Amino acid sequence: MTPQDIKAALGAGLLSFPVTHFDDAGNFKSDSYAEHVAWLSGFDAPVLFAAGGTGEFFSLTPSEVPRVVAAAKEAAGKTAIVSGCGYGTDIAIEIARSVEKVGADGILLLPHYLIDAPQEGMYQHVKRICQSVGIGVMVYNRDNSVLGVETLQRLCDECPNLIGFKDGTGDIGLVRQITATMGDRLTYLGGMPTAELFAEAYLGAGFTTYSSAVFNFVPRLAVDFYKALRAGERERCETILKDFFYPFMAIRSRRKGYAVSAVKAGVRLQGFAAGKVRPPLDDLTAEEEEMMAKLIAPWKR
């Protein structure tokens, strides 16, 4: 795909981030991962993000990332695959080039490692990564990597393949200024944990769509909510929020890291051998898994 092709695909519907599957020894388990990606590709998601945040990018080695992306590309059929990318500039360039070689349709640039950085430094970081590849790049504003409006404008001017902006800050004032300033130059993606809880506000702020973590294990429900949201069916959205998303939020909020761990538990409960999360995350307790099992029972595959 050209950068403009992936930009259009990103804005075409609901998006999601498959969890990365591991075997009992903690190694990437490509067979069950491919089975899971193929299942997800049968639903209405025009793009899947391989080795993203929900896919535990932070605990994958740079050499594992292209392996995960290659497996996703092979299994996804016509569904586009965007790869996670990140860390320091040179490491991110290495990852970006490696996933481009195995067929990634774009990259999502996650926050750089650990240290806070000035706007000029982040500008140079993103610019170098964009200019190292020919595929489309989406930046992710969150934590220690928050691009200001002027910085983002400079990057749009310098980097034709910068095609997307994802937000995980929850700063609606900032994101509304970005959408008003950049207009249709970018595709805008809501990226708060359990994005459905914030989707109405983000769509009102000019965002195109959002990524759904729960699509990993209840894709029919995720698509149902998305369609109701886009159709303005507020009563239906509120019913789904109360029946599923607020109880899921209660489980997710019990311990740090459960935004990933609870999703992976849901994938296992749907019958996929996704394995455990890697440290520094930890898995749900047996009691919490039972809570998850009851919650997703109406949407068992």
C-alpha atoms as a PDB file:
ATOM      1  CA  MET A   1       0.000   0.000   0.000  1.00  0.00           C
ATOM      2  CA  THR A   2       1.086   3.567  -0.631  1.00  0.00           C
ATOM      3  CA  PRO A   3       0.988   5.974   2.337  1.00  0.00           C
ATOM      4  CA  GLN A   4      -2.234   7.452   0.973  1.00  0.00           C
ATOM      5  CA  ASP A   5      -3.752   3.990   0.627  1.00  0.00           C
ATOM      6  CA  ILE A   6      -3.066   3.126   4.267  1.00  0.00           C
ATOM      7  CA  LYS A   7      -4.300   6.564   5.330  1.00  0.00           C
ATOM      8  CA  ALA A   8      -7.623   5.820   3.639  1.00  0.00           C
ATOM      9  CA  ALA A   9      -7.781   2.335   5.157  1.00  0.00           C
ATOM     10  CA  LEU A  10      -7.135   3.698   8.654  1.00  0.00           C
ATOM     11  CA  GLY A  11     -10.132   5.978   8.320  1.00  0.00           C
ATOM     12  CA  ALA A  12     -12.433   3.364   6.839  1.00  0.00           C
ATOM     13  CA  GLY A  13     -13.702   1.690   9.997  1.00  0.00           C
ATOM     14  CA  LEU A  14     -13.003   0.175  13.389  1.00  0.00           C
ATOM     15  CA  LEU A  15      -9.360  -0.796  14.082  1.00  0.00           C
ATOM     16  CA  SER A  16      -7.717  -3.212  16.515  1.00  0.00           C
ATOM     17  CA  PHE A  17      -4.438  -4.500  17.951  1.00  0.00           C
ATOM     18  CA  PRO A  18      -4.104  -8.299  18.157  1.00  0.00           C
ATOM     19  CA  VAL A  19      -2.313  -9.589  21.243  1.00  0.00           C
ATOM     20  CA  THR A  20       0.973 -11.373  20.566  1.00  0.00           C
ATOM     21  CA  HIS A  21       0.822 -15.085  21.377  1.00  0.00           C
ATOM     22  CA  PHE A  22       3.545 -16.831  23.400  1.00  0.00           C
ATOM     23  CA  ASP A  23       4.163 -20.492  24.177  1.00  0.00           C
ATOM     24  CA  ASP A  24       4.877 -21.901  27.641  1.00  0.00           C
ATOM     25  CA  ALA A  25       8.523 -20.870  27.359  1.00  0.00           C
ATOM     26  CA  GLY A  26       7.571 -17.305  26.462  1.00  0.00           C
ATOM     27  CA  ASN A  27       8.534 -17.542  22.794  1.00  0.00           C
ATOM     28  CA  PHE A  28       6.420 -16.158  19.954  1.00  0.00           C
ATOM     29  CA  LYS A  29       3.789 -18.734  18.973  1.00  0.00           C
ATOM     30  CA  SER A  30       3.154 -18.064  15.310  1.00  0.00           C
ATOM     31  CA  ASP A  31       0.559 -20.779  14.630  1.00  0.00           C
ATOM     32  CA  SER A  32      -2.034 -19.716  17.211  1.00  0.00           C
ATOM     33  CA  TYR A  33      -1.285 -16.052  16.485  1.00  0.00           C
ATOM     34  CA  ALA A  34      -2.026 -16.622  12.796  1.00  0.00           C
ATOM     35  CA  GLU A  35      -5.259 -18.433  13.681  1.00  0.00           C
ATOM     36  CA  HIS A  36      -6.338 -15.506  15.852  1.00  0.00           C
ATOM     37  CA  VAL A  37      -5.444 -12.862  13.235  1.00  0.00           C
ATOM     38  CA  ALA A  38      -7.315 -14.815  10.557  1.00  0.00           C
ATOM     39  CA  TRP A  39     -10.404 -14.922  12.801  1.00  0.00           C
ATOM     40  CA  LEU A  40     -10.241 -11.178  13.474  1.00  0.00           C
ATOM     41  CA  SER A  41      -9.784 -10.455   9.773  1.00  0.00           C
ATOM     42  CA  GLY A  42     -13.227 -11.914   9.145  1.00  0.00           C
ATOM     43  CA  PHE A  43     -14.842  -8.958  10.908  1.00  0.00           C
ATOM     44  CA  ASP A  44     -15.157  -5.322   9.867  1.00  0.00           C
ATOM     45  CA  ALA A  45     -11.677  -4.022  10.711  1.00  0.00           C
ATOM     46  CA  PRO A  46      -9.859  -2.562   7.686  1.00  0.00           C
ATOM     47  CA  VAL A  47      -6.509  -2.416   9.542  1.00  0.00           C
ATOM     48  CA  LEU A  48      -4.943  -4.515  12.295  1.00  0.00           C
ATOM     49  CA  PHE A  49      -1.885  -3.351  14.247  1.00  0.00           C
ATOM     50  CA  ALA A  50       0.674  -6.116  14.774  1.00  0.00           C
ATOM     51  CA  ALA A  51       3.126  -5.866  17.675  1.00  0.00           C
ATOM     52  CA  GLY A  52       1.428  -2.751  18.999  1.00  0.00           C
ATOM     53  CA  GLY A  53       0.930  -1.745  22.615  1.00  0.00           C
ATOM     54  CA  THR A  54      -1.730  -4.392  23.266  1.00  0.00           C
ATOM     55  CA  GLY A  55       0.585  -6.756  21.372  1.00  0.00           C
ATOM     56  CA  GLU A  56       3.274  -6.171  24.045  1.00  0.00           C
ATOM     57  CA  PHE A  57       5.644  -4.298  21.730  1.00  0.00           C
ATOM     58  CA  PHE A  58       7.512  -3.121  24.823  1.00  0.00           C
ATOM     59  CA  SER A  59       8.551  -6.688  25.688  1.00  0.00           C
ATOM     60  CA  LEU A  60       9.436  -7.837  22.166  1.00  0.00           C
ATOM     61  CA  THR A  61      13.006  -7.726  20.884  1.00  0.00           C
ATOM     62  CA  PRO A  62      13.641  -5.714  17.694  1.00  0.00           C
ATOM     63  CA  SER A  63      14.243  -8.988  15.832  1.00  0.00           C
ATOM     64  CA  GLU A  64      10.901 -10.439  16.990  1.00  0.00           C
ATOM     65  CA  VAL A  65       8.812  -7.536  15.669  1.00  0.00           C
ATOM     66  CA  PRO A  66       9.219  -8.358  11.940  1.00  0.00           C
ATOM     67  CA  ARG A  67       8.476 -12.022  12.701  1.00  0.00           C
ATOM     68  CA  VAL A  68       5.177 -11.034  14.293  1.00  0.00           C
ATOM     69  CA  VAL A  69       4.372  -8.682  11.413  1.00  0.00           C
ATOM     70  CA  ALA A  70       5.204 -11.299   8.772  1.00  0.00           C
ATOM     71  CA  ALA A  71       2.902 -13.816  10.480  1.00  0.00           C
ATOM     72  CA  ALA A  72       0.112 -11.237  10.623  1.00  0.00           C
ATOM     73  CA  LYS A  73       0.520 -10.323   6.947  1.00  0.00           C
ATOM     74  CA  GLU A  74       0.321 -13.969   5.899  1.00  0.00           C
ATOM     75  CA  ALA A  75      -2.809 -14.603   7.973  1.00  0.00           C
ATOM     76  CA  ALA A  76      -4.712 -11.355   7.441  1.00  0.00           C
ATOM     77  CA  GLY A  77      -5.752 -11.762   3.824  1.00  0.00           C
ATOM     78  CA  LYS A  78      -6.847  -8.391   2.441  1.00  0.00           C
ATOM     79  CA  THR A  79      -6.744  -6.693   5.854  1.00  0.00           C
ATOM     80  CA  ALA A  80      -3.918  -4.150   6.063  1.00  0.00           C
ATOM     81  CA  ILE A  81      -1.246  -4.591   8.732  1.00  0.00           C
ATOM     82  CA  VAL A  82       0.446  -1.708  10.535  1.00  0.00           C
ATOM     83  CA  SER A  83       3.430  -2.508  12.754  1.00  0.00           C
ATOM     84  CA  GLY A  84       4.354  -1.113  16.112  1.00  0.00           C
ATOM     85  CA  CYS A  85       7.647   0.804  16.159  1.00  0.00           C
ATOM     86  CA  GLY A  86       9.501   2.713  18.833  1.00  0.00           C
ATOM     87  CA  TYR A  87      12.387   3.211  21.294  1.00  0.00           C
ATOM     88  CA  GLY A  88      15.286   5.516  20.445  1.00  0.00           C
ATOM     89  CA  THR A  89      15.669   6.921  16.960  1.00  0.00           C
ATOM     90  CA  ASP A  90      18.220   4.453  15.571  1.00  0.00           C
ATOM     91  CA  ILE A  91      16.438   1.426  17.024  1.00  0.00           C
ATOM     92  CA  ALA A  92      13.115   2.694  15.677  1.00  0.00           C
ATOM     93  CA  ILE A  93      14.638   3.161  12.216  1.00  0.00           C
ATOM     94  CA  GLU A  94      15.975  -0.403  12.349  1.00  0.00           C
ATOM     95  CA  ILE A  95      12.533  -1.741  13.293  1.00  0.00           C
ATOM     96  CA  ALA A  96      10.756   0.397  10.697  1.00  0.00           C
ATOM     97  CA  ARG A  97      12.993  -0.820   7.893  1.00  0.00           C
ATOM     98  CA  SER A  98      12.747  -4.445   9.015  1.00  0.00           C
ATOM     99  CA  VAL A  99       8.931  -4.461   9.017  1.00  0.00           C
ATOM    100  CA  GLU A 100       8.807  -2.646   5.688  1.00  0.00           C
ATOM    101  CA  LYS A 101      10.870  -5.495   4.234  1.00  0.00           C
ATOM    102  CA  VAL A 102       8.377  -8.125   5.426  1.00  0.00           C
ATOM    103  CA  GLY A 103       5.386  -6.256   3.980  1.00  0.00           C
ATOM    104  CA  ALA A 104       4.018  -3.967   6.696  1.00  0.00           C
ATOM    105  CA  ASP A 105       1.613  -1.442   5.207  1.00  0.00           C
ATOM    106  CA  GLY A 106       2.625   1.219   7.736  1.00  0.00           C
ATOM    107  CA  ILE A 107       4.043   1.820  11.200  1.00  0.00           C
ATOM    108  CA  LEU A 108       2.616   3.234  14.410  1.00  0.00           C
ATOM    109  CA  LEU A 109       5.367   5.169  16.171  1.00  0.00           C
ATOM    110  CA  LEU A 110       5.031   4.536  19.901  1.00  0.00           C
ATOM    111  CA  PRO A 111       6.633   6.855  22.480  1.00  0.00           C
ATOM    112  CA  HIS A 112      10.403   6.935  22.657  1.00  0.00           C
ATOM    113  CA  TYR A 113      12.045   5.262  25.605  1.00  0.00           C
ATOM    114  CA  LEU A 114      11.851   6.686  29.144  1.00  0.00           C
ATOM    115  CA  ILE A 115      13.222  10.224  29.027  1.00  0.00           C
ATOM    116  CA  ASP A 116      11.239  13.393  28.439  1.00  0.00           C
ATOM    117  CA  ALA A 117      12.346  15.298  25.352  1.00  0.00           C
ATOM    118  CA  PRO A 118      11.870  18.824  23.964  1.00  0.00           C
ATOM    119  CA  GLN A 119       9.705  19.483  20.945  1.00  0.00           C
ATOM    120  CA  GLU A 120      12.732  20.014  18.680  1.00  0.00           C
ATOM    121  CA  GLY A 121      14.186  16.664  19.691  1.00  0.00           C
ATOM    122  CA  MET A 122      10.902  14.863  19.063  1.00  0.00           C
ATOM    123  CA  TYR A 123      10.602  16.638  15.715  1.00  0.00           C
ATOM    124  CA  GLN A 124      14.015  15.337  14.648  1.00  0.00           C
ATOM    125  CA  HIS A 125      13.155  11.855  15.987  1.00  0.00           C
ATOM    126  CA  VAL A 126       9.914  11.532  14.020  1.00  0.00           C
ATOM    127  CA  LYS A 127      11.352  13.177  10.909  1.00  0.00           C
ATOM    128  CA  ARG A 128      14.303  10.773  10.706  1.00  0.00           C
ATOM    129  CA  ILE A 129      12.049   7.749  11.119  1.00  0.00           C
ATOM    130  CA  CYS A 130       9.573   8.961   8.505  1.00  0.00           C
ATOM    131  CA  GLN A 131      12.370   9.628   6.040  1.00  0.00           C
ATOM    132  CA  SER A 132      13.916   6.184   6.605  1.00  0.00           C
ATOM    133  CA  VAL A 133      10.987   4.294   5.017  1.00  0.00           C
ATOM    134  CA  GLY A 134       8.529   4.611   2.162  1.00  0.00           C
ATOM    135  CA  ILE A 135       5.474   3.297   4.026  1.00  0.00           C
ATOM    136  CA  GLY A 136       2.966   5.397   5.945  1.00  0.00           C
ATOM    137  CA  VAL A 137       3.697   6.529   9.506  1.00  0.00           C
ATOM    138  CA  MET A 138       1.240   7.283  12.306  1.00  0.00           C
ATOM    139  CA  VAL A 139       2.453   9.052  15.462  1.00  0.00           C
ATOM    140  CA  TYR A 140       1.070   8.264  18.915  1.00  0.00           C
ATOM    141  CA  ASN A 141       0.712  11.116  21.408  1.00  0.00           C
ATOM    142  CA  ARG A 142       0.882   9.819  24.975  1.00  0.00           C
ATOM    143  CA  ASP A 143       2.979   9.681  28.122  1.00  0.00           C
ATOM    144  CA  ASN A 144       6.410  11.258  27.525  1.00  0.00           C
ATOM    145  CA  SER A 145       5.884  11.796  23.783  1.00  0.00           C
ATOM    146  CA  VAL A 146       3.325  14.533  23.179  1.00  0.00           C
ATOM    147  CA  LEU A 147       3.812  16.495  19.981  1.00  0.00           C
ATOM    148  CA  GLY A 148       2.528  20.050  20.012  1.00  0.00           C
ATOM    149  CA  VAL A 149       0.494  21.583  17.215  1.00  0.00           C
ATOM    150  CA  GLU A 150       3.403  23.513  15.701  1.00  0.00           C
ATOM    151  CA  THR A 151       5.698  20.472  15.822  1.00  0.00           C
ATOM    152  CA  LEU A 152       3.105  18.299  14.148  1.00  0.00           C
ATOM    153  CA  GLN A 153       2.554  20.953  11.487  1.00  0.00           C
ATOM    154  CA  ARG A 154       6.299  21.049  10.736  1.00  0.00           C
ATOM    155  CA  LEU A 155       6.376  17.278  10.442  1.00  0.00           C
ATOM    156  CA  CYS A 156       3.413  17.278   8.066  1.00  0.00           C
ATOM    157  CA  ASP A 157       5.235  19.831   5.924  1.00  0.00           C
ATOM    158  CA  GLU A 158       8.469  17.790   5.868  1.00  0.00           C
ATOM    159  CA  CYS A 159       7.191  14.214   5.741  1.00  0.00           C
ATOM    160  CA  PRO A 160       4.658  13.272   3.043  1.00  0.00           C
ATOM    161  CA  ASN A 161       4.390   9.745   4.475  1.00  0.00           C
ATOM    162  CA  LEU A 162       3.238  11.006   7.888  1.00  0.00           C
ATOM    163  CA  ILE A 163      -0.408  10.138   7.450  1.00  0.00           C
ATOM    164  CA  GLY A 164      -1.895   9.524  10.877  1.00  0.00           C
ATOM    165  CA  PHE A 165      -2.203  10.811  14.427  1.00  0.00           C
ATOM    166  CA  LYS A 166      -3.262   8.690  17.388  1.00  0.00           C
ATOM    167  CA  ASP A 167      -4.022  10.190  20.795  1.00  0.00           C
ATOM    168  CA  GLY A 168      -3.753   8.595  24.209  1.00  0.00           C
ATOM    169  CA  THR A 169      -3.518  11.760  26.304  1.00  0.00           C
ATOM    170  CA  GLY A 170      -7.212  12.434  26.756  1.00  0.00           C
ATOM    171  CA  ASP A 171      -6.491  16.140  26.290  1.00  0.00           C
ATOM    172  CA  ILE A 172      -9.520  17.028  24.181  1.00  0.00           C
ATOM    173  CA  GLY A 173      -8.504  20.683  23.942  1.00  0.00           C
ATOM    174  CA  LEU A 174      -5.169  19.770  22.369  1.00  0.00           C
ATOM    175  CA  VAL A 175      -6.568  17.140  20.018  1.00  0.00           C
ATOM    176  CA  ARG A 176      -9.319  19.464  18.856  1.00  0.00           C
ATOM    177  CA  GLN A 177      -6.710  22.109  18.063  1.00  0.00           C
ATOM    178  CA  ILE A 178      -4.740  19.492  16.113  1.00  0.00           C
ATOM    179  CA  THR A 179      -7.726  18.337  14.072  1.00  0.00           C
ATOM    180  CA  ALA A 180      -8.740  21.934  13.369  1.00  0.00           C
ATOM    181  CA  THR A 181      -5.207  22.877  12.305  1.00  0.00           C
ATOM    182  CA  MET A 182      -4.229  19.815  10.276  1.00  0.00           C
ATOM    183  CA  GLY A 183      -7.665  19.056   8.853  1.00  0.00           C
ATOM    184  CA  ASP A 184      -7.730  16.145   6.427  1.00  0.00           C
ATOM    185  CA  ARG A 185      -3.929  16.125   6.140  1.00  0.00           C
ATOM    186  CA  LEU A 186      -4.007  13.282   8.709  1.00  0.00           C
ATOM    187  CA  THR A 187      -6.249  10.415   9.724  1.00  0.00           C
ATOM    188  CA  TYR A 188      -7.122  10.702  13.432  1.00  0.00           C
ATOM    189  CA  LEU A 189      -7.357   7.699  15.739  1.00  0.00           C
ATOM    190  CA  GLY A 190      -8.570   7.583  19.337  1.00  0.00           C
ATOM    191  CA  GLY A 191      -6.137   5.564  21.446  1.00  0.00           C
ATOM    192  CA  MET A 192      -7.192   5.768  25.076  1.00  0.00           C
ATOM    193  CA  PRO A 193      -7.263   2.451  26.995  1.00  0.00           C
ATOM    194  CA  THR A 194     -10.651   0.808  26.288  1.00  0.00           C
ATOM    195  CA  ALA A 195     -11.258   3.447  23.647  1.00  0.00           C
ATOM    196  CA  GLU A 196     -15.019   2.847  23.532  1.00  0.00           C
ATOM    197  CA  LEU A 197     -15.324   4.694  26.860  1.00  0.00           C
ATOM    198  CA  PHE A 198     -14.043   7.859  25.162  1.00  0.00           C
ATOM    199  CA  ALA A 199     -15.178   7.289  21.580  1.00  0.00           C
ATOM    200  CA  GLU A 200     -18.115   9.705  21.557  1.00  0.00           C
ATOM    201  CA  ALA A 201     -15.954  12.584  22.823  1.00  0.00           C
ATOM    202  CA  TYR A 202     -13.183  11.866  20.333  1.00  0.00           C
ATOM    203  CA  LEU A 203     -15.521  11.631  17.370  1.00  0.00           C
ATOM    204  CA  GLY A 204     -16.983  14.960  18.431  1.00  0.00           C
ATOM    205  CA  ALA A 205     -13.455  16.403  18.452  1.00  0.00           C
ATOM    206  CA  GLY A 206     -12.984  15.522  14.793  1.00  0.00           C
ATOM    207  CA  PHE A 207     -11.374  12.095  15.104  1.00  0.00           C
ATOM    208  CA  THR A 208     -11.915   9.608  12.306  1.00  0.00           C
ATOM    209  CA  THR A 209     -12.137   6.374  14.276  1.00  0.00           C
ATOM    210  CA  TYR A 210     -10.533   4.495  17.188  1.00  0.00           C
ATOM    211  CA  SER A 211      -8.768   1.251  17.994  1.00  0.00           C
ATOM    212  CA  SER A 212     -10.643  -1.354  20.008  1.00  0.00           C
ATOM    213  CA  ALA A 213      -8.680  -3.634  22.319  1.00  0.00           C
ATOM    214  CA  VAL A 214     -11.749  -5.747  23.126  1.00  0.00           C
ATOM    215  CA  PHE A 215     -12.122  -6.501  19.413  1.00  0.00           C
ATOM    216  CA  ASN A 216      -9.437  -9.096  20.222  1.00  0.00           C
ATOM    217  CA  PHE A 217     -11.961 -11.336  21.957  1.00  0.00           C
ATOM    218  CA  VAL A 218     -15.484  -9.941  21.367  1.00  0.00           C
ATOM    219  CA  PRO A 219     -15.252  -8.596  17.806  1.00  0.00           C
ATOM    220  CA  ARG A 220     -18.982  -8.854  17.132  1.00  0.00           C
ATOM    221  CA  LEU A 221     -19.718  -6.694  20.166  1.00  0.00           C
ATOM    222  CA  ALA A 222     -16.973  -4.198  19.266  1.00  0.00           C
ATOM    223  CA  VAL A 223     -18.368  -3.818  15.750  1.00  0.00           C
ATOM    224  CA  ASP A 224     -21.936  -3.544  17.071  1.00  0.00           C
ATOM    225  CA  PHE A 225     -20.901  -0.684  19.363  1.00  0.00           C
ATOM    226  CA  TYR A 226     -18.945   1.072  16.603  1.00  0.00           C
ATOM    227  CA  LYS A 227     -21.847   0.902  14.168  1.00  0.00           C
ATOM    228  CA  ALA A 228     -24.300   2.164  16.777  1.00  0.00           C
ATOM    229  CA  LEU A 229     -21.941   5.021  17.634  1.00  0.00           C
ATOM    230  CA  ARG A 230     -21.517   6.097  14.018  1.00  0.00           C
ATOM    231  CA  ALA A 231     -25.268   5.847  13.446  1.00  0.00           C
ATOM    232  CA  GLY A 232     -25.991   8.091  16.421  1.00  0.00           C
ATOM    233  CA  GLU A 233     -27.853   5.317  18.266  1.00  0.00           C
ATOM    234  CA  ARG A 234     -27.052   6.666  21.709  1.00  0.00           C
ATOM    235  CA  GLU A 235     -29.433   4.412  23.637  1.00  0.00           C
ATOM    236  CA  ARG A 236     -27.849   1.302  22.092  1.00  0.00           C
ATOM    237  CA  CYS A 237     -24.375   2.600  22.913  1.00  0.00           C
ATOM    238  CA  GLU A 238     -25.350   3.255  26.516  1.00  0.00           C
ATOM    239  CA  THR A 239     -26.779  -0.251  26.852  1.00  0.00           C
ATOM    240  CA  ILE A 240     -23.526  -1.825  25.637  1.00  0.00           C
ATOM    241  CA  LEU A 241     -21.475   0.454  27.886  1.00  0.00           C
ATOM    242  CA  LYS A 242     -23.478  -0.586  30.943  1.00  0.00           C
ATOM    243  CA  ASP A 243     -23.711  -4.282  30.067  1.00  0.00           C
ATOM    244  CA  PHE A 244     -20.101  -4.802  28.997  1.00  0.00           C
ATOM    245  CA  PHE A 245     -17.657  -1.903  28.973  1.00  0.00           C
ATOM    246  CA  TYR A 246     -18.151  -0.575  32.497  1.00  0.00           C
ATOM    247  CA  PRO A 247     -17.882  -4.074  34.046  1.00  0.00           C
ATOM    248  CA  PHE A 248     -14.813  -4.703  31.890  1.00  0.00           C
ATOM    249  CA  MET A 249     -13.339  -1.391  33.062  1.00  0.00           C
ATOM    250  CA  ALA A 250     -13.813  -2.529  36.669  1.00  0.00           C
ATOM    251  CA  ILE A 251     -11.747  -5.664  35.988  1.00  0.00           C
ATOM    252  CA  ARG A 252      -9.144  -3.752  33.962  1.00  0.00           C
ATOM    253  CA  SER A 253      -8.693  -1.227  36.771  1.00  0.00           C
ATOM    254  CA  ARG A 254      -7.927  -3.782  39.482  1.00  0.00           C
ATOM    255  CA  ARG A 255      -4.161  -3.783  38.798  1.00  0.00           C
ATOM    256  CA  LYS A 256      -1.671  -1.874  36.692  1.00  0.00           C
ATOM    257  CA  GLY A 257      -1.085  -3.442  33.290  1.00  0.00           C
ATOM    258  CA  TYR A 258      -4.490  -5.101  33.096  1.00  0.00           C
ATOM    259  CA  ALA A 259      -5.348  -3.031  30.005  1.00  0.00           C
ATOM    260  CA  VAL A 260      -3.243  -5.678  28.237  1.00  0.00           C
ATOM    261  CA  SER A 261      -3.545  -8.642  30.607  1.00  0.00           C
ATOM    262  CA  ALA A 262      -7.358  -8.598  30.693  1.00  0.00           C
ATOM    263  CA  VAL A 263      -7.504  -8.520  26.897  1.00  0.00           C
ATOM    264  CA  LYS A 264      -5.133 -11.465  26.630  1.00  0.00           C
ATOM    265  CA  ALA A 265      -7.231 -13.363  29.153  1.00  0.00           C
ATOM    266  CA  GLY A 266     -10.273 -12.723  26.979  1.00  0.00           C
ATOM    267  CA  VAL A 267      -8.456 -14.134  23.942  1.00  0.00           C
ATOM    268  CA  ARG A 268      -7.558 -17.298  25.881  1.00  0.00           C
ATOM    269  CA  LEU A 269     -11.163 -17.614  27.063  1.00  0.00           C
ATOM    270  CA  GLN A 270     -12.265 -17.541  23.426  1.00  0.00           C
ATOM    271  CA  GLY A 271     -10.210 -20.699  22.852  1.00  0.00           C
ATOM    272  CA  PHE A 272      -6.954 -19.318  21.430  1.00  0.00           C
ATOM    273  CA  ALA A 273      -3.623 -20.461  22.874  1.00  0.00           C
ATOM    274  CA  ALA A 274      -2.376 -16.910  23.381  1.00  0.00           C
ATOM    275  CA  GLY A 275      -0.250 -17.801  26.402  1.00  0.00           C
ATOM    276  CA  LYS A 276       0.634 -15.556  29.306  1.00  0.00           C
ATOM    277  CA  VAL A 277       1.810 -11.958  29.211  1.00  0.00           C
ATOM    278  CA  ARG A 278       5.534 -11.370  29.482  1.00  0.00           C
ATOM    279  CA  PRO A 279       7.064  -9.557  32.442  1.00  0.00           C
ATOM    280  CA  PRO A 280       6.876  -6.803  33.557  1.00  0.00           C
ATOM    281  CA  LEU A 281       3.134  -7.488  33.164  1.00  0.00           C
ATOM    282  CA  ASP A 282       1.300 -10.126  35.163  1.00  0.00           C
ATOM    283  CA  ASP A 283      -1.763 -12.208  34.374  1.00  0.00           C
ATOM    284  CA  LEU A 284      -5.200 -12.057  35.908  1.00  0.00           C
ATOM    285  CA  THR A 285      -5.902 -14.168  38.982  1.00  0.00           C
ATOM    286  CA  ALA A 286      -8.132 -17.237  38.688  1.00  0.00           C
ATOM    287  CA  GLU A 287     -10.961 -15.260  40.299  1.00  0.00           C
ATOM    288  CA  GLU A 288     -10.552 -12.423  37.806  1.00  0.00           C
ATOM    289  CA  GLU A 289     -10.470 -14.832  34.857  1.00  0.00           C
ATOM    290  CA  GLU A 290     -13.778 -16.247  36.082  1.00  0.00           C
ATOM    291  CA  MET A 291     -15.182 -12.719  36.157  1.00  0.00           C
ATOM    292  CA  MET A 292     -14.017 -12.283  32.562  1.00  0.00           C
ATOM    293  CA  ALA A 293     -15.531 -15.596  31.536  1.00  0.00           C
ATOM    294  CA  LYS A 294     -18.946 -14.579  32.854  1.00  0.00           C
ATOM    295  CA  LEU A 295     -18.711 -11.193  31.180  1.00  0.00           C
ATOM    296  CA  ILE A 296     -17.944 -12.519  27.698  1.00  0.00           C
ATOM    297  CA  ALA A 297     -20.186 -15.587  27.864  1.00  0.00           C
ATOM    298  CA  PRO A 298     -22.897 -14.006  25.651  1.00  0.00           C
ATOM    299  CA  TRP A 299     -20.308 -13.444  22.915  1.00  0.00           C
ATOM    300  CA  LYS A 300     -18.500 -16.795  22.900  1.00  0.00           C
ATOM    301  CA  ARG A 301     -17.465 -17.832  19.426  1.00  0.00           C
END
